[in-house]
Each structure stands twice: as structure tokens, then as C-alpha cells.
């Protein structure tokens, strides 16, 4: 039986293009204990999967999806830990589930997964634990996750969880803005978000001298990435 990494070379890139044969192969690999297959099947079961023609390929089954993620976690798979932690920290989760999610994120981070630090920071931010959020965004950034830099800049601008430092925040934002988007569509890239954030700060004079024309230049740069937000802000400034 071929392993999951071989299997993904033969399947369509999007789950919506899968066939029943793809799903059968995935289930067999998961049954044989392939951690990657368990994570993929677990996530599909949590959401369900339909073919564009309406046929149900994977019926939504939260219990089975969680079992798959639990099994992947027992095998030491960091992606399984991330997916299980994400499910456990969903809105309305119990306190015990949130504590388990935190522990899973920390465990995955110890295994070298910097995304776990970012995800843990984000859950802390959503719960209003801003100091913990900043601490873990810093860990994520130190571990090599560039996404954390934008969050740290925002914290330094607006103050939740750390001391306001607009000079350091703008330096971080300019570093982000100089990068290239890794998201699709490009307008959602963190470099574009950084450009818009710089424009807002300069346009409003938030803790820095107001510079409308410099703000407009940043908005025009963001607009080149097809940012609807930047285009709307340009229109409002006319």
C-alpha cells in the first residue's frame, strides 16, 4: 500500500475535485495508521466534503474526525496536534478543552512547529489574554514565523499586552511591507496588510506626525495588489 505522500501526487490538488476512489484510498491509508492521512481525513470529517455535483464524499462526523486527529496526535504528528487543538479551541469550547488545546500547541511547538506558537498566541488574543498573546507571538517570530511580525507591530501600536512603541511598530510594518505576499488572492497578503496599517497610522497621525501624502503613497502601493480596502481608502480621501 503506498504512503500518503505518494498518494497526494496522484490526486487533484483541491478536495472538491476528489472522487470516491480518492476518499477510499485516503480511508485505507488512515486505517493503516498513516499520520498524514489521519490528519487529512480527520479534518474532512469535521467539515464534511461534497463533490461539485452534490454527491457526499465524506459525511460530516465530528466524533470520527476527532478520533482520527487523536490517533495522529498519539503517533506524535505535529499537524495532528495543530488540527486537534484548533478544534478544541473552537467558540463555545469548555474550559477543559481549551486547556488541552493549549497543551497541544505547546507540545507541537516543542517539536519544532512554529505555527503552533502563532496559533496559541491567536487563541490567547481571542480570549483577551493579551500579554500571553504577545509573548507567544514573539516566540513564533523568533522561531521563524514571519506572520507574527505583523501582530507584534499591531500590539506595539495599540498597546494590548505590551508597551506602546510606534517607532518600533512602524519599523516592523515596513519590513513586512517590503516582502512578497504568500497568500492568494494577493490582496490578503501580510505585506499588503502592513502597507494599509502604515497608511492608517500616517493618515490619522496615530502617535506619529500626520503625513497624508505618505499615507496615500502606501495606499497606492497596496492597491497595486488589488486590495479593495486600499482602493476604498483612496476613494474616501478624495
C-alpha atoms as a PDB file:
ATOM      1  CA  UNK A   1       0.000   0.000   0.000  1.00  0.00           C
ATOM      2  CA  UNK A   2       1.513   3.342  -0.976  1.00  0.00           C
ATOM      3  CA  UNK A   3       2.043   6.001   1.654  1.00  0.00           C
ATOM      4  CA  UNK A   4       0.151   9.279   1.870  1.00  0.00           C
ATOM      5  CA  UNK A   5       2.997  11.343   0.397  1.00  0.00           C
ATOM      6  CA  UNK A   6       2.868   9.130  -2.718  1.00  0.00           C
ATOM      7  CA  UNK A   7      -0.909   9.254  -2.753  1.00  0.00           C
ATOM      8  CA  UNK A   8      -1.105  13.056  -2.829  1.00  0.00           C
ATOM      9  CA  UNK A   9       0.944  13.102  -6.029  1.00  0.00           C
ATOM     10  CA  UNK A  10      -1.905  11.288  -7.781  1.00  0.00           C
ATOM     11  CA  UNK A  11      -4.926  13.202  -6.506  1.00  0.00           C
ATOM     12  CA  UNK A  12      -6.358  16.579  -7.589  1.00  0.00           C
ATOM     13  CA  UNK A  13      -4.991  19.496  -5.550  1.00  0.00           C
ATOM     14  CA  UNK A  14      -8.398  20.567  -4.197  1.00  0.00           C
ATOM     15  CA  UNK A  15     -10.587  18.224  -2.115  1.00  0.00           C
ATOM     16  CA  UNK A  16     -13.601  19.488  -4.068  1.00  0.00           C
ATOM     17  CA  UNK A  17     -12.152  17.737  -7.131  1.00  0.00           C
ATOM     18  CA  UNK A  18     -11.698  14.393  -5.403  1.00  0.00           C
ATOM     19  CA  UNK A  19     -13.548  11.257  -6.390  1.00  0.00           C
ATOM     20  CA  UNK A  20     -14.862   8.406  -4.267  1.00  0.00           C
ATOM     21  CA  UNK A  21     -11.717   6.497  -5.201  1.00  0.00           C
ATOM     22  CA  UNK A  22      -9.536   9.216  -3.682  1.00  0.00           C
ATOM     23  CA  UNK A  23     -11.537   9.072  -0.474  1.00  0.00           C
ATOM     24  CA  UNK A  24     -11.426   5.252  -0.349  1.00  0.00           C
ATOM     25  CA  UNK A  25      -7.647   5.345  -0.698  1.00  0.00           C
ATOM     26  CA  UNK A  26      -7.421   8.018   1.993  1.00  0.00           C
ATOM     27  CA  UNK A  27      -9.543   5.945   4.389  1.00  0.00           C
ATOM     28  CA  UNK A  28      -7.384   2.854   3.782  1.00  0.00           C
ATOM     29  CA  UNK A  29      -4.202   4.804   4.467  1.00  0.00           C
ATOM     30  CA  UNK A  30      -5.703   6.242   7.634  1.00  0.00           C
ATOM     31  CA  UNK A  31      -6.816   2.775   8.741  1.00  0.00           C
ATOM     32  CA  UNK A  32      -3.247   1.556   8.225  1.00  0.00           C
ATOM     33  CA  UNK A  33      -2.019   4.266  10.597  1.00  0.00           C
ATOM     34  CA  UNK A  34      -0.548   6.834   8.191  1.00  0.00           C
ATOM     35  CA  UNK A  35      -0.443  10.030  10.285  1.00  0.00           C
ATOM     36  CA  UNK A  36      -0.801  12.428   7.332  1.00  0.00           C
ATOM     37  CA  UNK A  37      -3.829  10.533   6.072  1.00  0.00           C
ATOM     38  CA  UNK A  38      -5.353  10.541   9.559  1.00  0.00           C
ATOM     39  CA  UNK A  39      -4.991  14.317   9.781  1.00  0.00           C
ATOM     40  CA  UNK A  40      -6.483  14.878   6.331  1.00  0.00           C
ATOM     41  CA  UNK A  41      -9.393  12.521   6.950  1.00  0.00           C
ATOM     42  CA  UNK A  42      -9.955  13.947  10.419  1.00  0.00           C
ATOM     43  CA  UNK A  43     -10.249  17.482   9.088  1.00  0.00           C
ATOM     44  CA  UNK A  44     -12.545  16.363   6.266  1.00  0.00           C
ATOM     45  CA  UNK A  45     -14.808  14.578   8.747  1.00  0.00           C
ATOM     46  CA  UNK A  46     -15.029  17.702  10.902  1.00  0.00           C
ATOM     47  CA  UNK A  47     -16.324  19.726   7.953  1.00  0.00           C
ATOM     48  CA  UNK A  48     -17.733  17.155   5.537  1.00  0.00           C
ATOM     49  CA  UNK A  49     -16.897  17.016   1.831  1.00  0.00           C
ATOM     50  CA  UNK A  50     -19.137  17.241  -1.214  1.00  0.00           C
ATOM     51  CA  UNK A  51     -18.293  16.861  -4.869  1.00  0.00           C
ATOM     52  CA  UNK A  52     -19.318  19.810  -7.087  1.00  0.00           C
ATOM     53  CA  UNK A  53     -22.131  17.625  -8.459  1.00  0.00           C
ATOM     54  CA  UNK A  54     -23.604  17.461  -4.938  1.00  0.00           C
ATOM     55  CA  UNK A  55     -22.533  13.919  -4.062  1.00  0.00           C
ATOM     56  CA  UNK A  56     -21.413  13.437  -0.463  1.00  0.00           C
ATOM     57  CA  UNK A  57     -17.841  12.121  -0.463  1.00  0.00           C
ATOM     58  CA  UNK A  58     -17.210  12.423   3.279  1.00  0.00           C
ATOM     59  CA  UNK A  59     -20.161  12.750   5.618  1.00  0.00           C
ATOM     60  CA  UNK A  60     -19.673  15.216   8.465  1.00  0.00           C
ATOM     61  CA  UNK A  61     -18.828  13.126  11.517  1.00  0.00           C
ATOM     62  CA  UNK A  62     -17.230  15.161  14.296  1.00  0.00           C
ATOM     63  CA  UNK A  63     -16.726  12.149  16.543  1.00  0.00           C
ATOM     64  CA  UNK A  64     -14.853  10.167  13.904  1.00  0.00           C
ATOM     65  CA  UNK A  65     -12.903  13.234  12.811  1.00  0.00           C
ATOM     66  CA  UNK A  66     -11.743  13.820  16.356  1.00  0.00           C
ATOM     67  CA  UNK A  67     -10.771  10.157  16.714  1.00  0.00           C
ATOM     68  CA  UNK A  68      -8.587  10.437  13.610  1.00  0.00           C
ATOM     69  CA  UNK A  69      -6.862  13.548  14.966  1.00  0.00           C
ATOM     70  CA  UNK A  70      -6.414  11.942  18.372  1.00  0.00           C
ATOM     71  CA  UNK A  71      -4.774   8.933  16.737  1.00  0.00           C
ATOM     72  CA  UNK A  72      -2.435  11.148  14.686  1.00  0.00           C
ATOM     73  CA  UNK A  73      -1.543  13.023  17.865  1.00  0.00           C
ATOM     74  CA  UNK A  74      -0.743   9.743  19.630  1.00  0.00           C
ATOM     75  CA  UNK A  75       1.626   8.980  16.758  1.00  0.00           C
ATOM     76  CA  UNK A  76       3.455  12.232  17.545  1.00  0.00           C
ATOM     77  CA  UNK A  77       2.320  14.108  14.434  1.00  0.00           C
ATOM     78  CA  UNK A  78       2.512  17.889  14.949  1.00  0.00           C
ATOM     79  CA  UNK A  79      -0.080  18.607  12.228  1.00  0.00           C
ATOM     80  CA  UNK A  80      -2.481  16.334  14.057  1.00  0.00           C
ATOM     81  CA  UNK A  81      -1.812  18.273  17.252  1.00  0.00           C
ATOM     82  CA  UNK A  82      -2.489  21.578  15.490  1.00  0.00           C
ATOM     83  CA  UNK A  83      -5.746  20.377  13.962  1.00  0.00           C
ATOM     84  CA  UNK A  84      -6.954  18.826  17.201  1.00  0.00           C
ATOM     85  CA  UNK A  85      -6.019  21.956  19.162  1.00  0.00           C
ATOM     86  CA  UNK A  86      -7.862  24.118  16.646  1.00  0.00           C
ATOM     87  CA  UNK A  87     -10.987  22.007  17.087  1.00  0.00           C
ATOM     88  CA  UNK A  88     -10.713  22.032  20.884  1.00  0.00           C
ATOM     89  CA  UNK A  89     -10.343  25.826  20.992  1.00  0.00           C
ATOM     90  CA  UNK A  90     -13.457  26.461  18.864  1.00  0.00           C
ATOM     91  CA  UNK A  91     -16.015  29.051  20.035  1.00  0.00           C
ATOM     92  CA  UNK A  92     -18.022  27.719  22.949  1.00  0.00           C
ATOM     93  CA  UNK A  93     -15.400  25.146  23.945  1.00  0.00           C
ATOM     94  CA  UNK A  94     -15.280  24.006  27.557  1.00  0.00           C
ATOM     95  CA  UNK A  95     -12.502  25.163  29.880  1.00  0.00           C
ATOM     96  CA  UNK A  96     -11.021  21.660  29.927  1.00  0.00           C
ATOM     97  CA  UNK A  97     -10.922  21.608  26.102  1.00  0.00           C
ATOM     98  CA  UNK A  98      -9.180  24.975  25.987  1.00  0.00           C
ATOM     99  CA  UNK A  99      -6.576  23.757  28.467  1.00  0.00           C
ATOM    100  CA  UNK A 100      -5.980  20.645  26.358  1.00  0.00           C
ATOM    101  CA  UNK A 101      -5.661  22.789  23.229  1.00  0.00           C
ATOM    102  CA  UNK A 102      -3.065  24.983  24.917  1.00  0.00           C
ATOM    103  CA  UNK A 103      -1.071  21.902  25.918  1.00  0.00           C
ATOM    104  CA  UNK A 104      -1.212  20.513  22.372  1.00  0.00           C
ATOM    105  CA  UNK A 105       0.001  23.780  20.862  1.00  0.00           C
ATOM    106  CA  UNK A 106       2.892  23.870  23.331  1.00  0.00           C
ATOM    107  CA  UNK A 107       3.767  20.264  22.573  1.00  0.00           C
ATOM    108  CA  UNK A 108       3.751  20.873  18.825  1.00  0.00           C
ATOM    109  CA  UNK A 109       5.935  23.935  19.323  1.00  0.00           C
ATOM    110  CA  UNK A 110       8.460  21.866  21.282  1.00  0.00           C
ATOM    111  CA  UNK A 111       8.552  19.521  18.298  1.00  0.00           C
ATOM    112  CA  UNK A 112       9.682  22.432  16.123  1.00  0.00           C
ATOM    113  CA  UNK A 113       6.381  23.670  14.674  1.00  0.00           C
ATOM    114  CA  UNK A 114       6.499  27.488  14.794  1.00  0.00           C
ATOM    115  CA  UNK A 115       2.908  27.677  13.547  1.00  0.00           C
ATOM    116  CA  UNK A 116       1.832  26.233  16.877  1.00  0.00           C
ATOM    117  CA  UNK A 117       3.224  29.266  18.697  1.00  0.00           C
ATOM    118  CA  UNK A 118       1.374  31.615  16.348  1.00  0.00           C
ATOM    119  CA  UNK A 119      -1.890  29.692  16.739  1.00  0.00           C
ATOM    120  CA  UNK A 120      -1.554  29.627  20.521  1.00  0.00           C
ATOM    121  CA  UNK A 121      -0.909  33.379  20.548  1.00  0.00           C
ATOM    122  CA  UNK A 122      -4.005  33.939  18.422  1.00  0.00           C
ATOM    123  CA  UNK A 123      -6.202  31.909  20.778  1.00  0.00           C
ATOM    124  CA  UNK A 124      -4.873  33.912  23.721  1.00  0.00           C
ATOM    125  CA  UNK A 125      -5.653  37.139  21.852  1.00  0.00           C
ATOM    126  CA  UNK A 126      -9.195  35.965  21.151  1.00  0.00           C
ATOM    127  CA  UNK A 127      -9.649  35.220  24.865  1.00  0.00           C
ATOM    128  CA  UNK A 128      -8.361  38.629  25.910  1.00  0.00           C
ATOM    129  CA  UNK A 129      -5.094  37.279  27.324  1.00  0.00           C
ATOM    130  CA  UNK A 130      -3.055  39.926  25.537  1.00  0.00           C
ATOM    131  CA  UNK A 131       0.207  39.623  27.460  1.00  0.00           C
ATOM    132  CA  UNK A 132       0.299  35.886  26.816  1.00  0.00           C
ATOM    133  CA  UNK A 133      -0.565  36.548  23.173  1.00  0.00           C
ATOM    134  CA  UNK A 134       2.353  38.949  22.723  1.00  0.00           C
ATOM    135  CA  UNK A 135       4.720  36.545  24.467  1.00  0.00           C
ATOM    136  CA  UNK A 136       3.793  33.721  22.107  1.00  0.00           C
ATOM    137  CA  UNK A 137       3.832  35.924  19.007  1.00  0.00           C
ATOM    138  CA  UNK A 138       7.401  36.770  19.967  1.00  0.00           C
ATOM    139  CA  UNK A 139       8.230  33.098  20.307  1.00  0.00           C
ATOM    140  CA  UNK A 140       6.669  32.412  16.918  1.00  0.00           C
ATOM    141  CA  UNK A 141       8.690  35.202  15.313  1.00  0.00           C
ATOM    142  CA  UNK A 142      11.926  34.044  16.954  1.00  0.00           C
ATOM    143  CA  UNK A 143      11.208  30.545  15.656  1.00  0.00           C
ATOM    144  CA  UNK A 144      10.928  31.861  12.101  1.00  0.00           C
ATOM    145  CA  UNK A 145       7.223  32.543  11.568  1.00  0.00           C
ATOM    146  CA  UNK A 146       7.025  35.841   9.612  1.00  0.00           C
ATOM    147  CA  UNK A 147       3.282  36.149  10.241  1.00  0.00           C
ATOM    148  CA  UNK A 148       3.937  37.025  13.870  1.00  0.00           C
ATOM    149  CA  UNK A 149       5.743  40.251  12.983  1.00  0.00           C
ATOM    150  CA  UNK A 150       2.521  41.933  11.832  1.00  0.00           C
ATOM    151  CA  UNK A 151       0.768  41.007  15.076  1.00  0.00           C
ATOM    152  CA  UNK A 152       3.660  42.293  17.169  1.00  0.00           C
ATOM    153  CA  UNK A 153       3.613  45.584  15.272  1.00  0.00           C
ATOM    154  CA  UNK A 154      -0.100  45.999  15.926  1.00  0.00           C
ATOM    155  CA  UNK A 155       0.404  45.257  19.612  1.00  0.00           C
ATOM    156  CA  UNK A 156       3.142  47.892  19.814  1.00  0.00           C
ATOM    157  CA  UNK A 157       0.926  50.406  18.019  1.00  0.00           C
ATOM    158  CA  UNK A 158      -2.245  49.978  20.018  1.00  0.00           C
ATOM    159  CA  UNK A 159      -0.917  48.682  23.310  1.00  0.00           C
ATOM    160  CA  UNK A 160      -2.783  45.469  24.197  1.00  0.00           C
ATOM    161  CA  UNK A 161      -0.342  43.208  26.011  1.00  0.00           C
ATOM    162  CA  UNK A 162       2.752  45.392  25.681  1.00  0.00           C
ATOM    163  CA  UNK A 163       4.009  48.953  25.939  1.00  0.00           C
ATOM    164  CA  UNK A 164       3.209  51.209  23.005  1.00  0.00           C
ATOM    165  CA  UNK A 165       6.220  51.809  20.787  1.00  0.00           C
ATOM    166  CA  UNK A 166       5.176  53.400  17.462  1.00  0.00           C
ATOM    167  CA  UNK A 167       8.739  53.731  16.194  1.00  0.00           C
ATOM    168  CA  UNK A 168       9.428  50.010  16.625  1.00  0.00           C
ATOM    169  CA  UNK A 169       5.975  49.150  15.271  1.00  0.00           C
ATOM    170  CA  UNK A 170       6.483  51.158  12.082  1.00  0.00           C
ATOM    171  CA  UNK A 171       9.899  49.579  11.559  1.00  0.00           C
ATOM    172  CA  UNK A 172       8.276  46.133  11.752  1.00  0.00           C
ATOM    173  CA  UNK A 173       5.481  47.163   9.401  1.00  0.00           C
ATOM    174  CA  UNK A 174       7.946  48.482   6.842  1.00  0.00           C
ATOM    175  CA  UNK A 175       9.835  45.186   6.982  1.00  0.00           C
ATOM    176  CA  UNK A 176       6.577  43.348   6.330  1.00  0.00           C
ATOM    177  CA  UNK A 177       5.573  45.732   3.549  1.00  0.00           C
ATOM    178  CA  UNK A 178       8.862  45.113   1.743  1.00  0.00           C
ATOM    179  CA  UNK A 179       8.062  41.400   1.436  1.00  0.00           C
ATOM    180  CA  UNK A 180       6.079  39.450  -1.140  1.00  0.00           C
ATOM    181  CA  UNK A 181       2.644  38.064  -0.485  1.00  0.00           C
ATOM    182  CA  UNK A 182       2.384  34.329   0.181  1.00  0.00           C
ATOM    183  CA  UNK A 183      -1.416  34.359   0.197  1.00  0.00           C
ATOM    184  CA  UNK A 184      -3.985  34.015  -2.517  1.00  0.00           C
ATOM    185  CA  UNK A 185      -5.577  36.243  -3.555  1.00  0.00           C
ATOM    186  CA  UNK A 186      -2.561  38.565  -3.301  1.00  0.00           C
ATOM    187  CA  UNK A 187      -4.680  41.302  -1.689  1.00  0.00           C
ATOM    188  CA  UNK A 188      -4.798  39.215   1.504  1.00  0.00           C
ATOM    189  CA  UNK A 189      -1.017  39.074   1.879  1.00  0.00           C
ATOM    190  CA  UNK A 190       0.587  40.293   5.083  1.00  0.00           C
ATOM    191  CA  UNK A 191       2.770  42.699   3.128  1.00  0.00           C
ATOM    192  CA  UNK A 192      -0.432  44.353   1.860  1.00  0.00           C
ATOM    193  CA  UNK A 193      -1.906  44.421   5.379  1.00  0.00           C
ATOM    194  CA  UNK A 194       1.279  46.094   6.595  1.00  0.00           C
ATOM    195  CA  UNK A 195       1.032  48.769   3.875  1.00  0.00           C
ATOM    196  CA  UNK A 196      -2.547  49.543   4.874  1.00  0.00           C
ATOM    197  CA  UNK A 197      -1.632  49.652   8.562  1.00  0.00           C
ATOM    198  CA  UNK A 198       1.181  52.130   7.841  1.00  0.00           C
ATOM    199  CA  UNK A 199      -1.230  54.252   5.810  1.00  0.00           C
ATOM    200  CA  UNK A 200      -3.786  54.298   8.636  1.00  0.00           C
ATOM    201  CA  UNK A 201      -1.169  55.357  11.185  1.00  0.00           C
ATOM    202  CA  UNK A 202       0.182  58.161   8.996  1.00  0.00           C
ATOM    203  CA  UNK A 203      -3.236  59.320   7.811  1.00  0.00           C
ATOM    204  CA  UNK A 204      -4.620  59.573  11.359  1.00  0.00           C
ATOM    205  CA  UNK A 205      -1.393  60.736  12.985  1.00  0.00           C
ATOM    206  CA  UNK A 206      -1.620  57.871  15.478  1.00  0.00           C
ATOM    207  CA  UNK A 207       1.286  58.552  17.889  1.00  0.00           C
ATOM    208  CA  UNK A 208       3.354  59.848  14.930  1.00  0.00           C
ATOM    209  CA  UNK A 209       3.317  63.076  12.901  1.00  0.00           C
ATOM    210  CA  UNK A 210       0.405  63.087  10.463  1.00  0.00           C
ATOM    211  CA  UNK A 211       1.517  62.663   6.836  1.00  0.00           C
ATOM    212  CA  UNK A 212      -1.432  62.395   4.470  1.00  0.00           C
ATOM    213  CA  UNK A 213       0.633  62.245   1.277  1.00  0.00           C
ATOM    214  CA  UNK A 214       2.921  59.495   2.569  1.00  0.00           C
ATOM    215  CA  UNK A 215      -0.179  57.570   3.656  1.00  0.00           C
ATOM    216  CA  UNK A 216      -1.600  57.925   0.156  1.00  0.00           C
ATOM    217  CA  UNK A 217       1.609  56.583  -1.361  1.00  0.00           C
ATOM    218  CA  UNK A 218       1.331  53.453   0.806  1.00  0.00           C
ATOM    219  CA  UNK A 219      -2.309  53.003  -0.156  1.00  0.00           C
ATOM    220  CA  UNK A 220      -1.413  53.196  -3.837  1.00  0.00           C
ATOM    221  CA  UNK A 221       1.226  50.505  -3.311  1.00  0.00           C
ATOM    222  CA  UNK A 222      -1.357  48.300  -1.613  1.00  0.00           C
ATOM    223  CA  UNK A 223      -3.847  48.990  -4.415  1.00  0.00           C
ATOM    224  CA  UNK A 224      -1.398  47.507  -6.909  1.00  0.00           C
ATOM    225  CA  UNK A 225      -2.002  44.172  -5.114  1.00  0.00           C
ATOM    226  CA  UNK A 226      -5.739  44.559  -5.844  1.00  0.00           C
ATOM    227  CA  UNK A 227      -6.597  45.481  -2.263  1.00  0.00           C
ATOM    228  CA  UNK A 228     -10.248  46.515  -2.033  1.00  0.00           C
ATOM    229  CA  UNK A 229      -9.542  48.110   1.353  1.00  0.00           C
ATOM    230  CA  UNK A 230      -6.770  50.283  -0.079  1.00  0.00           C
ATOM    231  CA  UNK A 231      -8.927  51.325  -3.040  1.00  0.00           C
ATOM    232  CA  UNK A 232     -11.801  52.257  -0.726  1.00  0.00           C
ATOM    233  CA  UNK A 233      -9.479  54.323   1.474  1.00  0.00           C
ATOM    234  CA  UNK A 234      -8.136  56.122  -1.599  1.00  0.00           C
ATOM    235  CA  UNK A 235     -11.686  56.921  -2.688  1.00  0.00           C
ATOM    236  CA  UNK A 236     -12.571  58.226   0.786  1.00  0.00           C
ATOM    237  CA  UNK A 237      -9.551  60.526   0.756  1.00  0.00           C
ATOM    238  CA  UNK A 238     -10.605  62.312  -2.455  1.00  0.00           C
END
